[in-house]
Amino acid sequence: MNTHTGMFTSMEDRALLDAARRLVIEEHLATAALLCALMEIDTRRLYLGEGCASMFTYCTQVLHLAEGAAYNRIEAARAARRYPLILELFEQGAVSLTAVRLLAPHLTVENHVAALTSATHKSKREIEELVCALKPKPDAPTVVRRLPTRRAVVVQPLAAVPSAPSATRIGATPPAVECQRESPPVRQPSPGSIAPLAPARYRIQLTVSRETHDRFRRAQALLRHAVPSGDAAEIFDRAVTLLVDQLERQRFAQTERARATKPSPESSRHIPAAVRRAVWRRDGGCCAFVGTEGRCGERAFLELHHVEPYAVGGAATEENIELRCRAHNAYEARLFFGPDVVREERAWWADSSQNELIGP
């Protein structure tokens, strides 16, 4: 067993978390030192004497860095040469190599302090939005077109090699070769891409089926009285708005005019619609679990969680129900009941007829 693996396996939970934090700090310091070294090697062009025509070749063939890692580090080192603040922030773990690489082409003497400060502890998506604020792009043109179909590949097997010269008569017609037509491999549809173009402007690109295309064209025709231009972006916005409203009504009983609901019996697992509405508004539509480093805030796979578990008498009241993402709902169930008691099949907790997911 690897020495490090054995060391971490024997650690207590808090010691392991503290060790991971310490190792990240050490990694940042080591990478910052590497950037300084690469900066000086690049300045002196020492890679030429090593038999490399470029810094990229030196990093990949001599230092054996992966191509992506080499590119990020070279770009970060060259940017840090112009703006030393980058090294300072990187040593603190405030910015990542990816953030520096994305921001570097757009930094100037005038904007680099504000831009780098705004990039601290930001995700790649947030950095891309910051880049768009520095250099906005024009809106993407609206295009709805049919993708070209892939042609079938014709495979012709090689004819058998004759065993002797006399086996094939000169001028004779060669035997017919049977063509095998193979179907092209089925390509999985790629997920749609979402990229910022400018502040508050995004490009969304995706591929849809013929049925979805036909439904879109039908909606476009039906909306001509309200959207004479047939603008795809406005139709998409209307469709997503209706979908979100429908899903919030189904999952969390959101409505502008709430009806009076009968109180559920104490033995019922059902969570009243009024409670679901109040919990959704109070928790802001995201996971309300609070850990040692702060609130989770996840917005996907949300479930309704009993703070005092239903199994021990927890009531379906606004005070006892909170939003949890699926991971934290299961985590708290394991903490309370133990790993051997919690069912792995989460469908046992789901009441499909009510369209709601119920926690432990």
Foldseek 3Di string as FASTA:
>chain_A
DDPVVVVLVPDDPVVNVVVVVVVVLVVLVVLLVVLQVLLVCQVVVVVVVVVDPDQLCCCCPVVVDDSVVSVLSNQLSVLCVVPVVSSVCSSVVQADSLLSNLCSVLDDPVCPVVLSVVRGPDDNQVSLQSSCASPAADADDDDDDDDDDDDWDKDWDDDDDDPDPVVDDPPDDDDDTDIDTDGDDDDDFDDWDWGGRHNVGIDIDGDDDPVVVVVLVVLLVVCCVVVVVSDSVVSVVVVVVVVVVVLCCQAQVDDPDDDDDDDDPQLDLDADSVLSNVQCVVQVQAAQDADPVGGDRHNPQKAWEFQPDVVVRGGNHNVGIHIHHPVVLVVVVCVVPNPVPDDPPQCVQDDVVSSHGYGD
